[in-house]
């Protein structure tokens, strides 16, 4: 089981200016809620609205 930390939405333009490439990822994660996250190891993102992304981090819960 995983606990998901979600950030506030961030402009994708800010991330691209810092080298973010939305085509690079290690896997996708389908949450029980139906949300699909694009992951780079345990950190990922979910596209939000108006060019915004929400950064997430999966943490293993014992």
PDB file of N, CA and C in Angstrom:
ATOM      1  N   UNK A   1       0.842  -1.182   0.000  1.00  0.00           N
ATOM      2  CA  UNK A   1       0.000   0.000   0.000  1.00  0.00           C
ATOM      3  C   UNK A   1       0.883   1.239   0.000  1.00  0.00           C
ATOM      4  N   UNK A   2       0.433   2.284  -0.649  1.00  0.00           N
ATOM      5  CA  UNK A   2       1.192   3.522  -0.738  1.00  0.00           C
ATOM      6  C   UNK A   2       0.382   4.690  -0.231  1.00  0.00           C
ATOM      7  N   UNK A   3       1.066   5.646   0.325  1.00  0.00           N
ATOM      8  CA  UNK A   3       0.488   6.919   0.702  1.00  0.00           C
ATOM      9  C   UNK A   3       0.953   7.905  -0.356  1.00  0.00           C
ATOM     10  N   UNK A   4       0.067   8.759  -0.847  1.00  0.00           N
ATOM     11  CA  UNK A   4       0.407   9.689  -1.915  1.00  0.00           C
ATOM     12  C   UNK A   4       0.451  11.108  -1.362  1.00  0.00           C
ATOM     13  N   UNK A   5       1.603  11.767  -1.543  1.00  0.00           N
ATOM     14  CA  UNK A   5       1.733  13.190  -1.212  1.00  0.00           C
ATOM     15  C   UNK A   5       1.489  13.963  -2.491  1.00  0.00           C
ATOM     16  N   UNK A   6       0.634  14.963  -2.459  1.00  0.00           N
ATOM     17  CA  UNK A   6       0.350  15.788  -3.626  1.00  0.00           C
ATOM     18  C   UNK A   6       0.726  17.234  -3.342  1.00  0.00           C
ATOM     19  N   UNK A   7       1.415  17.845  -4.294  1.00  0.00           N
ATOM     20  CA  UNK A   7       1.741  19.264  -4.181  1.00  0.00           C
ATOM     21  C   UNK A   7       0.572  20.089  -4.704  1.00  0.00           C
ATOM     22  N   UNK A   8       0.652  21.373  -4.506  1.00  0.00           N
ATOM     23  CA  UNK A   8      -0.262  22.278  -5.191  1.00  0.00           C
ATOM     24  C   UNK A   8       0.107  22.270  -6.665  1.00  0.00           C
ATOM     25  N   UNK A   9      -0.834  22.539  -7.563  1.00  0.00           N
ATOM     26  CA  UNK A   9      -0.494  22.567  -8.985  1.00  0.00           C
ATOM     27  C   UNK A   9       0.602  23.590  -9.288  1.00  0.00           C
ATOM     28  N   UNK A  10       1.512  23.200 -10.199  1.00  0.00           N
ATOM     29  CA  UNK A  10       2.647  24.031 -10.608  1.00  0.00           C
ATOM     30  C   UNK A  10       2.584  24.160 -12.120  1.00  0.00           C
ATOM     31  N   UNK A  11       2.943  25.318 -12.649  1.00  0.00           N
ATOM     32  CA  UNK A  11       2.959  25.529 -14.094  1.00  0.00           C
ATOM     33  C   UNK A  11       3.998  24.629 -14.745  1.00  0.00           C
ATOM     34  N   UNK A  12       3.614  23.951 -15.811  1.00  0.00           N
ATOM     35  CA  UNK A  12       4.552  23.085 -16.519  1.00  0.00           C
ATOM     36  C   UNK A  12       5.682  23.900 -17.144  1.00  0.00           C
ATOM     37  N   UNK A  13       5.427  25.182 -17.437  1.00  0.00           N
ATOM     38  CA  UNK A  13       6.473  26.044 -17.994  1.00  0.00           C
ATOM     39  C   UNK A  13       7.615  26.244 -17.004  1.00  0.00           C
ATOM     40  N   UNK A  14       7.305  26.339 -15.728  1.00  0.00           N
ATOM     41  CA  UNK A  14       8.338  26.474 -14.695  1.00  0.00           C
ATOM     42  C   UNK A  14       9.189  25.215 -14.654  1.00  0.00           C
ATOM     43  N   UNK A  15       8.550  24.063 -14.726  1.00  0.00           N
ATOM     44  CA  UNK A  15       9.295  22.809 -14.704  1.00  0.00           C
ATOM     45  C   UNK A  15      10.161  22.643 -15.954  1.00  0.00           C
ATOM     46  N   UNK A  16       9.619  22.988 -17.134  1.00  0.00           N
ATOM     47  CA  UNK A  16      10.391  22.885 -18.372  1.00  0.00           C
ATOM     48  C   UNK A  16      11.615  23.786 -18.342  1.00  0.00           C
ATOM     49  N   UNK A  17      11.497  24.965 -17.739  1.00  0.00           N
ATOM     50  CA  UNK A  17      12.637  25.885 -17.626  1.00  0.00           C
ATOM     51  C   UNK A  17      13.747  25.283 -16.767  1.00  0.00           C
ATOM     52  N   UNK A  18      13.407  24.307 -15.938  1.00  0.00           N
ATOM     53  CA  UNK A  18      14.391  23.639 -15.079  1.00  0.00           C
ATOM     54  C   UNK A  18      14.772  22.251 -15.599  1.00  0.00           C
ATOM     55  N   UNK A  19      14.462  21.979 -16.887  1.00  0.00           N
ATOM     56  CA  UNK A  19      14.911  20.748 -17.514  1.00  0.00           C
ATOM     57  C   UNK A  19      13.929  19.597 -17.504  1.00  0.00           C
ATOM     58  N   UNK A  20      12.703  19.835 -17.089  1.00  0.00           N
ATOM     59  CA  UNK A  20      11.688  18.787 -17.043  1.00  0.00           C
ATOM     60  C   UNK A  20      11.341  18.315 -18.451  1.00  0.00           C
ATOM     61  N   UNK A  21      11.275  17.004 -18.655  1.00  0.00           N
ATOM     62  CA  UNK A  21      10.889  16.408 -19.930  1.00  0.00           C
ATOM     63  C   UNK A  21       9.733  15.452 -19.669  1.00  0.00           C
ATOM     64  N   UNK A  22       8.530  15.825 -20.107  1.00  0.00           N
ATOM     65  CA  UNK A  22       7.354  14.999 -19.799  1.00  0.00           C
ATOM     66  C   UNK A  22       7.357  13.657 -20.522  1.00  0.00           C
ATOM     67  N   UNK A  23       8.268  13.466 -21.470  1.00  0.00           N
ATOM     68  CA  UNK A  23       8.348  12.188 -22.190  1.00  0.00           C
ATOM     69  C   UNK A  23       9.241  11.178 -21.478  1.00  0.00           C
ATOM     70  N   UNK A  24       9.979  11.588 -20.466  1.00  0.00           N
ATOM     71  CA  UNK A  24      10.851  10.682 -19.722  1.00  0.00           C
ATOM     72  C   UNK A  24      10.137  10.212 -18.463  1.00  0.00           C
ATOM     73  N   UNK A  25       9.988   8.895 -18.324  1.00  0.00           N
ATOM     74  CA  UNK A  25       9.414   8.316 -17.109  1.00  0.00           C
ATOM     75  C   UNK A  25       9.821   6.855 -17.012  1.00  0.00           C
ATOM     76  N   UNK A  26       9.723   6.309 -15.815  1.00  0.00           N
ATOM     77  CA  UNK A  26      10.085   4.903 -15.610  1.00  0.00           C
ATOM     78  C   UNK A  26       8.870   3.994 -15.658  1.00  0.00           C
ATOM     79  N   UNK A  27       7.706   4.497 -15.235  1.00  0.00           N
ATOM     80  CA  UNK A  27       6.488   3.699 -15.242  1.00  0.00           C
ATOM     81  C   UNK A  27       5.289   4.590 -14.971  1.00  0.00           C
ATOM     82  N   UNK A  28       4.103   4.011 -15.044  1.00  0.00           N
ATOM     83  CA  UNK A  28       2.900   4.730 -14.654  1.00  0.00           C
ATOM     84  C   UNK A  28       2.299   4.024 -13.439  1.00  0.00           C
ATOM     85  N   UNK A  29       1.548   4.775 -12.660  1.00  0.00           N
ATOM     86  CA  UNK A  29       0.910   4.245 -11.463  1.00  0.00           C
ATOM     87  C   UNK A  29      -0.570   4.565 -11.543  1.00  0.00           C
ATOM     88  N   UNK A  30      -1.403   3.553 -11.501  1.00  0.00           N
ATOM     89  CA  UNK A  30      -2.848   3.735 -11.506  1.00  0.00           C
ATOM     90  C   UNK A  30      -3.357   3.640 -10.071  1.00  0.00           C
ATOM     91  N   UNK A  31      -3.818   4.752  -9.551  1.00  0.00           N
ATOM     92  CA  UNK A  31      -4.302   4.813  -8.173  1.00  0.00           C
ATOM     93  C   UNK A  31      -5.679   4.163  -8.068  1.00  0.00           C
ATOM     94  N   UNK A  32      -6.034   3.683  -6.884  1.00  0.00           N
ATOM     95  CA  UNK A  32      -7.364   3.094  -6.686  1.00  0.00           C
ATOM     96  C   UNK A  32      -8.497   4.074  -7.025  1.00  0.00           C
ATOM     97  N   UNK A  33      -8.214   5.375  -6.933  1.00  0.00           N
ATOM     98  CA  UNK A  33      -9.225   6.386  -7.250  1.00  0.00           C
ATOM     99  C   UNK A  33      -9.457   6.522  -8.747  1.00  0.00           C
ATOM    100  N   UNK A  34      -8.591   5.880  -9.552  1.00  0.00           N
ATOM    101  CA  UNK A  34      -8.712   5.978 -11.000  1.00  0.00           C
ATOM    102  C   UNK A  34      -7.742   6.963 -11.615  1.00  0.00           C
ATOM    103  N   UNK A  35      -7.046   7.745 -10.782  1.00  0.00           N
ATOM    104  CA  UNK A  35      -6.057   8.687 -11.289  1.00  0.00           C
ATOM    105  C   UNK A  35      -4.852   7.937 -11.836  1.00  0.00           C
ATOM    106  N   UNK A  36      -4.265   8.467 -12.892  1.00  0.00           N
ATOM    107  CA  UNK A  36      -3.076   7.861 -13.489  1.00  0.00           C
ATOM    108  C   UNK A  36      -1.920   8.835 -13.326  1.00  0.00           C
ATOM    109  N   UNK A  37      -0.834   8.362 -12.717  1.00  0.00           N
ATOM    110  CA  UNK A  37       0.340   9.180 -12.472  1.00  0.00           C
ATOM    111  C   UNK A  37       1.490   8.693 -13.335  1.00  0.00           C
ATOM    112  N   UNK A  38       2.250   9.611 -13.908  1.00  0.00           N
ATOM    113  CA  UNK A  38       3.455   9.292 -14.661  1.00  0.00           C
ATOM    114  C   UNK A  38       4.607   9.418 -13.680  1.00  0.00           C
ATOM    115  N   UNK A  39       5.398   8.344 -13.537  1.00  0.00           N
ATOM    116  CA  UNK A  39       6.378   8.268 -12.464  1.00  0.00           C
ATOM    117  C   UNK A  39       7.818   8.220 -12.970  1.00  0.00           C
ATOM    118  N   UNK A  40       8.722   8.781 -12.190  1.00  0.00           N
ATOM    119  CA  UNK A  40      10.168   8.590 -12.308  1.00  0.00           C
ATOM    120  C   UNK A  40      10.578   8.059 -10.934  1.00  0.00           C
ATOM    121  N   UNK A  41      10.662   6.740 -10.859  1.00  0.00           N
ATOM    122  CA  UNK A  41      10.868   6.022  -9.603  1.00  0.00           C
ATOM    123  C   UNK A  41       9.726   6.335  -8.644  1.00  0.00           C
ATOM    124  N   UNK A  42       9.962   6.902  -7.458  1.00  0.00           N
ATOM    125  CA  UNK A  42       8.858   7.133  -6.511  1.00  0.00           C
ATOM    126  C   UNK A  42       8.258   8.533  -6.601  1.00  0.00           C
ATOM    127  N   UNK A  43       8.782   9.368  -7.483  1.00  0.00           N
ATOM    128  CA  UNK A  43       8.252  10.721  -7.670  1.00  0.00           C
ATOM    129  C   UNK A  43       7.602  10.795  -9.044  1.00  0.00           C
ATOM    130  N   UNK A  44       6.461  11.440  -9.116  1.00  0.00           N
ATOM    131  CA  UNK A  44       5.777  11.529 -10.389  1.00  0.00           C
ATOM    132  C   UNK A  44       4.918  12.765 -10.482  1.00  0.00           C
ATOM    133  N   UNK A  45       4.061  12.764 -11.493  1.00  0.00           N
ATOM    134  CA  UNK A  45       3.187  13.908 -11.678  1.00  0.00           C
ATOM    135  C   UNK A  45       1.881  13.469 -12.312  1.00  0.00           C
ATOM    136  N   UNK A  46       0.907  14.332 -12.168  1.00  0.00           N
ATOM    137  CA  UNK A  46      -0.406  14.154 -12.781  1.00  0.00           C
ATOM    138  C   UNK A  46      -0.752  15.477 -13.444  1.00  0.00           C
ATOM    139  N   UNK A  47      -1.136  15.411 -14.709  1.00  0.00           N
ATOM    140  CA  UNK A  47      -1.546  16.635 -15.382  1.00  0.00           C
ATOM    141  C   UNK A  47      -2.814  17.149 -14.718  1.00  0.00           C
ATOM    142  N   UNK A  48      -2.836  18.433 -14.490  1.00  0.00           N
ATOM    143  CA  UNK A  48      -3.980  19.069 -13.857  1.00  0.00           C
ATOM    144  C   UNK A  48      -4.708  19.878 -14.928  1.00  0.00           C
ATOM    145  N   UNK A  49      -5.009  21.111 -14.682  1.00  0.00           N
ATOM    146  CA  UNK A  49      -5.741  21.946 -15.624  1.00  0.00           C
ATOM    147  C   UNK A  49      -4.883  23.127 -16.069  1.00  0.00           C
ATOM    148  N   UNK A  50      -5.185  23.680 -17.224  1.00  0.00           N
ATOM    149  CA  UNK A  50      -4.536  24.892 -17.735  1.00  0.00           C
ATOM    150  C   UNK A  50      -3.017  24.834 -17.699  1.00  0.00           C
ATOM    151  N   UNK A  51      -2.410  23.742 -18.159  1.00  0.00           N
ATOM    152  CA  UNK A  51      -0.956  23.649 -18.196  1.00  0.00           C
ATOM    153  C   UNK A  51      -0.314  23.493 -16.834  1.00  0.00           C
ATOM    154  N   UNK A  52      -1.066  23.013 -15.878  1.00  0.00           N
ATOM    155  CA  UNK A  52      -0.571  22.805 -14.523  1.00  0.00           C
ATOM    156  C   UNK A  52      -0.307  21.309 -14.309  1.00  0.00           C
ATOM    157  N   UNK A  53       0.675  21.007 -13.485  1.00  0.00           N
ATOM    158  CA  UNK A  53       0.923  19.627 -13.085  1.00  0.00           C
ATOM    159  C   UNK A  53       0.930  19.562 -11.567  1.00  0.00           C
ATOM    160  N   UNK A  54       0.622  18.399 -11.068  1.00  0.00           N
ATOM    161  CA  UNK A  54       0.641  18.173  -9.624  1.00  0.00           C
ATOM    162  C   UNK A  54       1.722  17.138  -9.356  1.00  0.00           C
ATOM    163  N   UNK A  55       2.747  17.512  -8.607  1.00  0.00           N
ATOM    164  CA  UNK A  55       3.842  16.611  -8.271  1.00  0.00           C
ATOM    165  C   UNK A  55       3.374  15.696  -7.142  1.00  0.00           C
ATOM    166  N   UNK A  56       3.690  14.412  -7.271  1.00  0.00           N
ATOM    167  CA  UNK A  56       3.316  13.462  -6.233  1.00  0.00           C
ATOM    168  C   UNK A  56       4.527  12.640  -5.828  1.00  0.00           C
ATOM    169  N   UNK A  57       4.470  12.117  -4.634  1.00  0.00           N
ATOM    170  CA  UNK A  57       5.517  11.233  -4.140  1.00  0.00           C
ATOM    171  C   UNK A  57       4.840  10.056  -3.452  1.00  0.00           C
ATOM    172  N   UNK A  58       5.227   8.859  -3.868  1.00  0.00           N
ATOM    173  CA  UNK A  58       4.677   7.649  -3.244  1.00  0.00           C
ATOM    174  C   UNK A  58       5.570   7.247  -2.093  1.00  0.00           C
ATOM    175  N   UNK A  59       4.946   6.976  -0.963  1.00  0.00           N
ATOM    176  CA  UNK A  59       5.684   6.517   0.224  1.00  0.00           C
ATOM    177  C   UNK A  59       5.087   5.192   0.659  1.00  0.00           C
ATOM    178  N   UNK A  60       5.936   4.195   0.819  1.00  0.00           N
ATOM    179  CA  UNK A  60       5.470   2.889   1.275  1.00  0.00           C
ATOM    180  C   UNK A  60       4.934   2.993   2.700  1.00  0.00           C
ATOM    181  N   UNK A  61       3.788   2.387   2.930  1.00  0.00           N
ATOM    182  CA  UNK A  61       3.178   2.376   4.255  1.00  0.00           C
ATOM    183  C   UNK A  61       3.180   0.931   4.733  1.00  0.00           C
ATOM    184  N   UNK A  62       3.683   0.729   5.921  1.00  0.00           N
ATOM    185  CA  UNK A  62       3.764  -0.644   6.461  1.00  0.00           C
ATOM    186  C   UNK A  62       2.429  -1.138   6.953  1.00  0.00           C
TER     187      UNK A  62
END
